[in-house]
Structure formats: structure tokens, C-alpha cells
N, C-alpha and C. Protein backbone atom coordinates (compact mmCIF):
# COMPACT_ATOMS: atom_id res chain seq x y z
N MET A 1 0.49 17.37 42.61
CA MET A 1 0.58 17.56 41.82
C MET A 1 1.15 16.99 40.45
N LYS A 2 1.16 17.09 39.23
CA LYS A 2 1.73 15.98 38.36
C LYS A 2 2.45 17.11 37.62
N ASP A 3 3.81 16.87 37.03
CA ASP A 3 4.62 17.48 36.30
C ASP A 3 4.35 18.02 35.32
N ARG A 4 4.68 18.34 33.85
CA ARG A 4 4.29 18.62 32.96
C ARG A 4 5.21 17.85 31.68
N LEU A 5 4.48 17.58 30.60
CA LEU A 5 5.31 16.48 30.12
C LEU A 5 5.54 16.87 28.63
N LEU A 6 6.93 16.96 28.42
CA LEU A 6 7.36 18.07 27.11
C LEU A 6 8.00 16.52 26.26
N ILE A 7 7.53 16.62 25.37
CA ILE A 7 8.42 15.53 24.23
C ILE A 7 9.23 15.71 23.08
N ALA A 8 10.38 15.13 23.14
CA ALA A 8 10.97 15.67 21.61
C ALA A 8 10.18 15.58 20.43
N ILE A 9 10.45 16.69 19.32
CA ILE A 9 9.73 15.53 18.57
C ILE A 9 10.36 14.76 17.61
N GLU A 10 11.57 14.71 17.35
CA GLU A 10 12.10 13.47 16.95
C GLU A 10 11.32 12.19 17.75
N VAL A 11 11.50 11.93 19.31
CA VAL A 11 10.13 10.81 19.84
C VAL A 11 9.67 10.79 19.23
N LEU A 12 8.93 12.06 18.79
CA LEU A 12 7.24 12.00 18.25
C LEU A 12 7.57 11.05 17.19
N ASP A 13 8.54 11.89 16.25
CA ASP A 13 8.39 11.08 14.85
C ASP A 13 8.73 9.77 14.88
N PHE A 14 9.41 9.29 16.00
CA PHE A 14 9.97 7.69 16.10
C PHE A 14 9.00 7.10 16.27
N SER A 15 7.94 7.41 17.39
CA SER A 15 6.67 6.67 17.55
C SER A 15 5.85 6.75 16.65
N GLN A 16 5.71 7.37 15.11
CA GLN A 16 4.89 7.24 14.65
C GLN A 16 5.04 6.04 13.35
N SER A 17 6.30 5.42 13.40
CA SER A 17 6.83 4.09 12.76
C SER A 17 6.53 3.09 13.66
N LEU A 18 6.26 3.19 14.58
CA LEU A 18 5.59 1.70 15.89
C LEU A 18 4.58 1.42 15.46
N SER A 19 4.12 0.13 15.77
CA SER A 19 2.90 -0.47 16.20
C SER A 19 1.99 0.27 17.17
N ARG A 20 0.35 -0.01 17.16
CA ARG A 20 -0.72 0.73 17.55
C ARG A 20 -0.04 0.05 19.36
N ARG A 21 -0.32 -1.16 19.57
CA ARG A 21 0.21 -1.79 20.81
C ARG A 21 1.13 -1.19 21.30
N GLU A 22 2.43 -0.96 20.56
CA GLU A 22 4.00 0.02 21.04
C GLU A 22 4.07 0.88 21.57
N GLN A 23 2.97 2.03 20.72
CA GLN A 23 2.22 3.40 21.22
C GLN A 23 1.75 3.62 22.21
N THR A 24 0.95 2.51 22.80
CA THR A 24 -0.36 2.46 23.49
C THR A 24 0.85 2.47 24.95
N ALA A 25 1.62 1.21 24.91
CA ALA A 25 2.13 1.09 25.98
C ALA A 25 3.28 2.50 26.02
N LEU A 26 3.92 2.54 25.48
CA LEU A 26 4.44 3.81 25.50
C LEU A 26 4.28 4.99 26.07
N TRP A 27 2.77 5.62 25.51
CA TRP A 27 2.34 7.01 25.99
C TRP A 27 1.78 6.32 27.29
N LYS A 28 1.47 5.39 27.65
CA LYS A 28 0.99 5.06 28.97
C LYS A 28 1.65 5.24 30.40
N ARG A 29 3.41 4.90 30.06
CA ARG A 29 4.36 5.09 30.39
C ARG A 29 4.73 6.49 31.21
N PHE A 30 4.32 7.51 29.36
CA PHE A 30 5.14 8.73 29.35
C PHE A 30 4.40 9.22 30.98
N ARG A 31 3.10 8.75 30.52
CA ARG A 31 1.93 9.68 31.96
C ARG A 31 2.06 9.38 33.20
N GLU A 32 2.65 7.76 33.08
CA GLU A 32 3.14 7.28 34.91
C GLU A 32 4.50 7.74 34.88
N MET A 33 5.13 8.53 34.12
CA MET A 33 6.33 9.32 34.67
C MET A 33 6.33 10.41 35.38
N THR A 34 5.29 10.79 34.55
CA THR A 34 5.12 12.11 35.17
C THR A 34 4.78 12.89 37.10
N ASP A 35 4.04 11.71 37.43
CA ASP A 35 3.83 11.11 38.53
C ASP A 35 5.16 11.53 39.44
N THR A 36 6.42 10.29 39.42
CA THR A 36 7.08 10.87 40.24
C THR A 36 8.31 9.75 39.63
N PRO A 37 8.97 10.84 38.16
CA PRO A 37 9.67 10.47 37.41
C PRO A 37 10.87 10.11 37.91
N HIS A 38 11.44 10.21 39.00
CA HIS A 38 12.65 9.42 39.57
C HIS A 38 12.55 8.14 39.98
N ARG A 39 11.29 7.16 40.33
CA ARG A 39 11.26 6.06 40.03
C ARG A 39 11.66 5.13 39.11
N PHE A 40 11.63 6.12 37.74
CA PHE A 40 11.49 5.36 36.65
C PHE A 40 13.06 5.33 35.50
N ALA A 41 14.25 5.81 36.97
CA ALA A 41 15.62 5.55 36.57
C ALA A 41 15.91 4.70 36.74
N ASP A 42 16.26 3.93 35.40
CA ASP A 42 16.96 2.19 35.54
C ASP A 42 18.25 2.79 35.54
N TYR A 43 18.82 3.90 34.91
CA TYR A 43 20.48 4.12 34.89
C TYR A 43 20.21 5.21 34.69
N SER A 44 21.49 6.27 34.71
CA SER A 44 21.81 7.34 34.37
C SER A 44 23.31 7.39 32.64
N GLU A 45 22.74 8.45 32.02
CA GLU A 45 23.99 8.13 31.17
C GLU A 45 24.32 10.58 31.10
N THR A 46 25.07 10.57 30.39
CA THR A 46 25.03 12.67 30.27
C THR A 46 25.34 12.80 28.83
N ASP A 47 24.43 14.18 28.18
CA ASP A 47 24.77 14.02 27.29
C ASP A 47 25.95 14.80 27.24
N SER A 48 25.40 15.47 25.09
CA SER A 48 26.93 15.83 25.07
C SER A 48 27.38 17.92 25.70
N THR A 49 25.87 17.78 26.66
CA THR A 49 26.68 19.37 27.65
C THR A 49 27.25 18.91 29.29
N GLN A 50 27.77 17.95 29.09
CA GLN A 50 27.32 16.99 30.59
C GLN A 50 26.22 16.55 31.56
N ARG A 51 24.92 17.25 31.16
CA ARG A 51 23.75 17.08 31.90
C ARG A 51 23.58 15.56 32.37
N ARG A 52 22.90 15.16 33.50
CA ARG A 52 22.58 14.03 33.03
C ARG A 52 21.13 13.33 32.67
N LEU A 53 21.13 12.29 32.23
CA LEU A 53 20.10 11.86 31.66
C LEU A 53 19.87 10.78 32.02
N ASP A 54 18.19 10.68 32.76
CA ASP A 54 17.92 9.39 33.02
C ASP A 54 17.04 8.06 32.18
N VAL A 55 17.36 7.09 32.12
CA VAL A 55 17.36 6.37 31.12
C VAL A 55 16.37 4.85 31.86
N HIS A 56 15.23 5.14 31.03
CA HIS A 56 14.35 3.95 31.25
C HIS A 56 13.68 2.72 30.83
N ALA A 57 13.81 1.54 30.73
CA ALA A 57 13.51 -0.02 30.15
C ALA A 57 12.31 -0.12 29.78
N HIS A 58 11.53 -0.09 28.92
CA HIS A 58 10.18 -0.35 28.59
C HIS A 58 9.76 -0.83 27.34
N ALA A 59 9.34 -1.52 27.35
CA ALA A 59 8.59 -2.51 26.74
C ALA A 59 9.43 -2.48 25.14
N GLY A 60 10.50 -2.90 25.61
CA GLY A 60 11.78 -3.31 24.59
C GLY A 60 12.38 -1.93 23.91
N PHE A 61 12.00 -0.85 25.02
CA PHE A 61 12.50 0.89 24.29
C PHE A 61 13.17 1.31 25.54
N ALA A 62 14.46 1.83 25.27
CA ALA A 62 15.29 3.10 26.07
C ALA A 62 14.37 4.42 25.92
N ILE A 63 14.47 4.88 27.15
CA ILE A 63 13.19 6.13 27.35
C ILE A 63 14.48 7.12 27.90
N PHE A 64 14.96 7.95 27.40
CA PHE A 64 16.13 8.70 27.79
C PHE A 64 15.20 10.12 28.51
N PHE A 65 15.44 10.33 29.34
CA PHE A 65 14.81 11.59 30.19
C PHE A 65 15.12 12.51 31.17
N TRP A 66 14.96 14.03 31.29
CA TRP A 66 15.37 14.45 32.14
C TRP A 66 14.08 15.35 32.96
N GLU A 67 14.90 15.65 34.31
CA GLU A 67 13.43 15.47 35.26
C GLU A 67 14.42 17.03 35.78
N ASP A 68 12.91 17.65 35.42
CA ASP A 68 13.44 19.41 35.73
C ASP A 68 12.54 20.26 36.65
N ALA A 69 13.10 19.42 38.10
CA ALA A 69 12.43 19.84 38.87
C ALA A 69 11.82 20.93 39.52
N THR A 70 12.80 22.02 39.06
CA THR A 70 12.86 23.88 39.19
C THR A 70 11.55 23.83 38.50
N ASP A 71 11.02 23.37 37.25
CA ASP A 71 9.97 23.87 36.56
C ASP A 71 8.90 22.80 36.09
N ARG A 72 9.00 21.64 36.99
CA ARG A 72 8.45 20.51 36.98
C ARG A 72 7.94 20.48 35.91
N HIS A 73 8.80 19.99 34.75
CA HIS A 73 8.81 19.29 33.63
C HIS A 73 9.91 17.64 33.77
N VAL A 74 9.00 17.03 32.60
CA VAL A 74 9.82 16.00 32.29
C VAL A 74 10.00 16.05 31.59
N ARG A 75 11.08 16.12 30.35
CA ARG A 75 11.58 16.12 29.26
C ARG A 75 11.78 14.75 28.43
N ILE A 76 11.42 13.88 27.73
CA ILE A 76 11.67 13.06 27.21
C ILE A 76 12.23 13.38 25.70
N LEU A 77 13.54 13.00 26.03
CA LEU A 77 14.42 13.88 24.85
C LEU A 77 14.85 12.87 24.24
N GLN A 78 14.96 11.17 24.51
CA GLN A 78 14.91 10.41 22.81
C GLN A 78 14.36 8.90 23.01
N LEU A 79 14.42 8.14 22.29
CA LEU A 79 13.06 6.55 22.64
C LEU A 79 13.99 6.06 21.39
N SER A 80 14.87 5.18 22.14
CA SER A 80 14.59 4.18 20.99
C SER A 80 15.07 2.48 21.14
N ARG A 81 15.23 1.54 20.28
CA ARG A 81 14.99 0.13 20.77
C ARG A 81 15.46 -0.26 21.60
N ALA A 82 15.71 -0.68 22.51
CA ALA A 82 16.41 -0.98 23.78
C ALA A 82 17.32 -2.34 23.16
N ASP A 83 17.32 -2.70 22.16
CA ASP A 83 18.20 -3.77 21.80
C ASP A 83 19.52 -3.01 20.72
N GLY A 84 19.36 -1.85 20.46
CA GLY A 84 19.81 -1.38 19.47
C GLY A 84 19.83 0.12 19.24
């Protein structure tokens, strides 16, 4: 069973500024991440509340996410260009 995917409004707003090709690549990866989110954790950081966020680098972007295993949610919290 797949997890639910929850995406922060800031991520949606940022994705609107991207090319269709970039959007397609990211949306495909977001969907893939719902199957086995832990597989996509390239490294981890902590947020301002000291919660561990996983970060996945894909197609020139850094995807910051949190897996809520209890509620079966993958939360995409931030998206930025990997080079800045």
C-alpha cells in the first residue's frame, strides 16, 4: 500500500515557475517516493523544531521531505535548486 503524498503550498508555488520538463520529472519522482520513501534519503538535516528531514537530490533539485510512518504520509516540505 502506498503512502499518501502531502505537498507544502510553497513547493507547489515554486514548481509553477519551472519548465514543463522539470515539473514532469519532479512529479514522477514525488509519486515514486510514496512507495519506499526511505530509499530516497540521500542525506538528512534537522528543521527549526529539531525534526529530522530527509533530503533527496534529483534532476538538479533538492527535495526536503519527512516520512510520517505512523500516518503513512510522505510530506514534501521544501524544494530548491540543488546548486543554490
